[in-house]
C-alpha cells in the first residue's frame, strides 16, 4: 500500500464504520432517496467470530459469534460500495453499501454533511451519555495508614 492511499483508507474506514454502526431507521431517514445501483453481492446474512482481550491489551480469545449482514453494490457511474452491518437487516446493509459508493463520487461532500455528520454527532452524544452514566457509578478507593505499617 502506498503512502498516499493510507489517509484515504483511514477516511473510508471511518465512514464505513459510522454507516455500519448507525441505527437502521436513522440512516434511512438521513438517506431516503437512493440512486440507481446494481447488486454485486445481494445482502447475505451470516456470522462472524468476535474476539476479545482482557484489559484491551491481553492475549485475544474467542468471545462468541455475532450475526452480520453484508452487501456490495455498484452505482451507474461505476463506484463500488461495500457494507457489513450487525444483525439481520438487509435493507440497512444495502443502504450503507450505497452510501459507501456515493462517498467515492462527486456527491461525497453532500453525503458527508447530510448523512455522516449527523450520524457521527449522535454517536458522540451517545458515547458521552454512556460515559456520564458510568462515571456516576465510579467508586474511589483509598487506603488509610495502619499503625503497624508506620
Protein backbone atom coordinates (compact mmCIF):
# COMPACT_ATOMS: atom_id res chain seq x y z
CA UNK A 1 0.00 0.00 0.00
CA UNK A 2 1.39 3.37 -0.95
CA UNK A 3 1.76 6.24 1.48
CA UNK A 4 -0.78 8.38 -0.42
CA UNK A 5 -3.54 5.76 -0.09
CA UNK A 6 -3.22 5.37 3.68
CA UNK A 7 -5.14 8.58 4.58
CA UNK A 8 -7.81 7.65 2.01
CA UNK A 9 -8.07 4.17 3.51
CA UNK A 10 -8.36 5.57 7.04
CA UNK A 11 -11.06 8.03 5.94
CA UNK A 12 -13.02 5.27 4.21
CA UNK A 13 -12.67 3.02 7.24
CA UNK A 14 -14.13 5.83 9.37
CA UNK A 15 -17.19 6.44 7.19
CA UNK A 16 -17.86 2.71 6.71
CA UNK A 17 -17.74 2.34 10.50
CA UNK A 18 -20.17 5.22 11.00
CA UNK A 19 -22.58 3.76 8.44
CA UNK A 20 -22.38 0.25 9.91
CA UNK A 21 -22.98 1.45 13.47
CA UNK A 22 -25.85 3.78 12.55
CA UNK A 23 -29.34 2.79 13.66
CA UNK A 24 -31.08 1.45 10.52
CA UNK A 25 -34.06 3.79 10.85
CA UNK A 26 -31.84 6.83 11.30
CA UNK A 27 -29.75 6.01 8.22
CA UNK A 28 -32.95 5.55 6.20
CA UNK A 29 -34.23 8.93 7.44
CA UNK A 30 -30.98 10.70 6.55
CA UNK A 31 -30.65 9.00 3.14
CA UNK A 32 -34.23 8.34 1.97
CA UNK A 33 -33.59 8.51 -1.79
CA UNK A 34 -31.08 6.09 -3.26
CA UNK A 35 -29.64 6.42 -6.76
CA UNK A 36 -29.86 3.56 -9.24
CA UNK A 37 -27.46 0.77 -8.35
CA UNK A 38 -26.62 -2.80 -9.30
CA UNK A 39 -26.25 -5.53 -6.70
CA UNK A 40 -22.82 -7.14 -6.92
CA UNK A 41 -23.46 -9.21 -3.81
CA UNK A 42 -27.04 -9.26 -2.61
CA UNK A 43 -27.42 -8.85 1.17
CA UNK A 44 -26.32 -12.08 2.84
CA UNK A 45 -26.79 -12.97 6.49
CA UNK A 46 -24.01 -14.84 8.27
CA UNK A 47 -21.97 -14.94 11.43
CA UNK A 48 -18.50 -13.78 12.39
CA UNK A 49 -16.37 -14.77 15.37
CA UNK A 50 -15.84 -11.88 17.77
CA UNK A 51 -12.56 -11.74 19.67
CA UNK A 52 -11.94 -10.01 22.98
CA UNK A 53 -8.88 -9.04 25.02
CA UNK A 54 -8.62 -8.81 28.77
CA UNK A 55 -7.91 -5.19 29.63
CA UNK A 56 -7.72 -4.32 25.93
CA UNK A 57 -4.08 -5.43 25.74
CA UNK A 58 -4.08 -9.10 26.75
CA UNK A 59 -3.96 -12.13 24.51
CA UNK A 60 -7.00 -12.41 22.22
CA UNK A 61 -9.67 -15.00 22.95
CA UNK A 62 -12.83 -16.02 21.10
CA UNK A 63 -15.75 -14.26 22.76
CA UNK A 64 -18.53 -15.67 20.61
CA UNK A 65 -20.35 -15.34 17.31
CA UNK A 66 -22.27 -12.31 16.05
CA UNK A 67 -24.85 -12.15 13.26
CA UNK A 68 -23.96 -9.78 10.42
CA UNK A 69 -25.35 -8.87 7.01
CA UNK A 70 -23.03 -7.92 4.14
CA UNK A 71 -23.72 -6.37 0.77
CA UNK A 72 -21.85 -4.96 -2.25
CA UNK A 73 -23.28 -2.59 -4.87
CA UNK A 74 -22.14 -0.68 -7.97
CA UNK A 75 -23.56 2.72 -8.89
CA UNK A 76 -24.31 3.57 -12.52
CA UNK A 77 -21.15 5.74 -12.66
CA UNK A 78 -19.04 2.75 -11.60
CA UNK A 79 -18.30 3.39 -7.91
CA UNK A 80 -18.43 0.19 -5.82
CA UNK A 81 -19.62 0.22 -2.22
CA UNK A 82 -19.46 -2.43 0.48
CA UNK A 83 -21.13 -2.79 3.86
CA UNK A 84 -21.17 -5.23 6.72
CA UNK A 85 -23.70 -4.40 9.46
CA UNK A 86 -24.58 -6.07 12.73
CA UNK A 87 -27.81 -8.03 12.71
CA UNK A 88 -30.13 -9.34 10.02
CA UNK A 89 -31.29 -6.09 8.38
CA UNK A 90 -30.78 -6.50 4.62
CA UNK A 91 -32.13 -3.03 3.77
CA UNK A 92 -29.66 -1.43 6.20
CA UNK A 93 -26.74 -3.30 4.60
CA UNK A 94 -27.82 -2.24 1.10
CA UNK A 95 -28.31 1.41 2.13
CA UNK A 96 -24.91 1.50 3.86
CA UNK A 97 -23.24 0.00 0.77
CA UNK A 98 -24.87 2.63 -1.47
CA UNK A 99 -23.72 5.38 0.90
CA UNK A 100 -20.17 3.97 0.78
CA UNK A 101 -20.27 4.06 -3.02
CA UNK A 102 -21.65 7.62 -3.01
CA UNK A 103 -18.75 8.71 -0.79
CA UNK A 104 -16.41 7.73 -3.63
CA UNK A 105 -18.14 10.04 -6.13
CA UNK A 106 -18.65 13.76 -6.51
CA UNK A 107 -21.56 13.52 -4.07
CA UNK A 108 -19.13 12.85 -1.19
CA UNK A 109 -19.24 16.37 0.33
CA UNK A 110 -23.05 16.36 0.35
CA UNK A 111 -23.25 12.84 1.86
CA UNK A 112 -20.59 13.72 4.44
CA UNK A 113 -22.51 16.81 5.53
CA UNK A 114 -26.08 15.47 5.40
CA UNK A 115 -25.56 11.86 6.50
CA UNK A 116 -22.19 11.21 8.12
CA UNK A 117 -22.04 14.46 10.09
CA UNK A 118 -25.31 13.87 11.97
CA UNK A 119 -24.50 10.16 12.48
CA UNK A 120 -21.10 10.97 13.99
CA UNK A 121 -22.58 13.73 16.18
CA UNK A 122 -25.29 11.41 17.50
CA UNK A 123 -22.75 8.64 18.15
CA UNK A 124 -20.53 11.07 20.08
CA UNK A 125 -23.51 12.21 22.17
CA UNK A 126 -24.45 8.59 22.91
CA UNK A 127 -20.85 7.83 23.99
CA UNK A 128 -20.84 10.90 26.26
CA UNK A 129 -24.14 9.83 27.82
CA UNK A 130 -22.82 6.31 28.47
CA UNK A 131 -19.58 7.70 29.90
CA UNK A 132 -21.56 10.00 32.19
CA UNK A 133 -23.67 7.12 33.47
CA UNK A 134 -20.54 5.02 34.06
CA UNK A 135 -18.78 7.90 35.83
CA UNK A 136 -21.74 8.28 38.19
CA UNK A 137 -21.15 4.75 39.47
CA UNK A 138 -17.39 5.16 39.89
CA UNK A 139 -16.03 4.34 43.33
CA UNK A 140 -12.78 5.84 44.64
CA UNK A 141 -10.86 3.56 46.97
CA UNK A 142 -8.14 4.76 49.28
CA UNK A 143 -6.06 3.09 51.96
CA UNK A 144 -5.58 4.54 55.38
CA UNK A 145 -2.18 4.15 57.02
CA UNK A 146 -2.33 1.48 59.68
CA UNK A 147 -0.30 1.74 62.88
CA UNK A 148 1.89 -1.31 62.30
CA UNK A 149 2.84 -0.11 58.80
CA UNK A 150 4.44 3.09 60.12
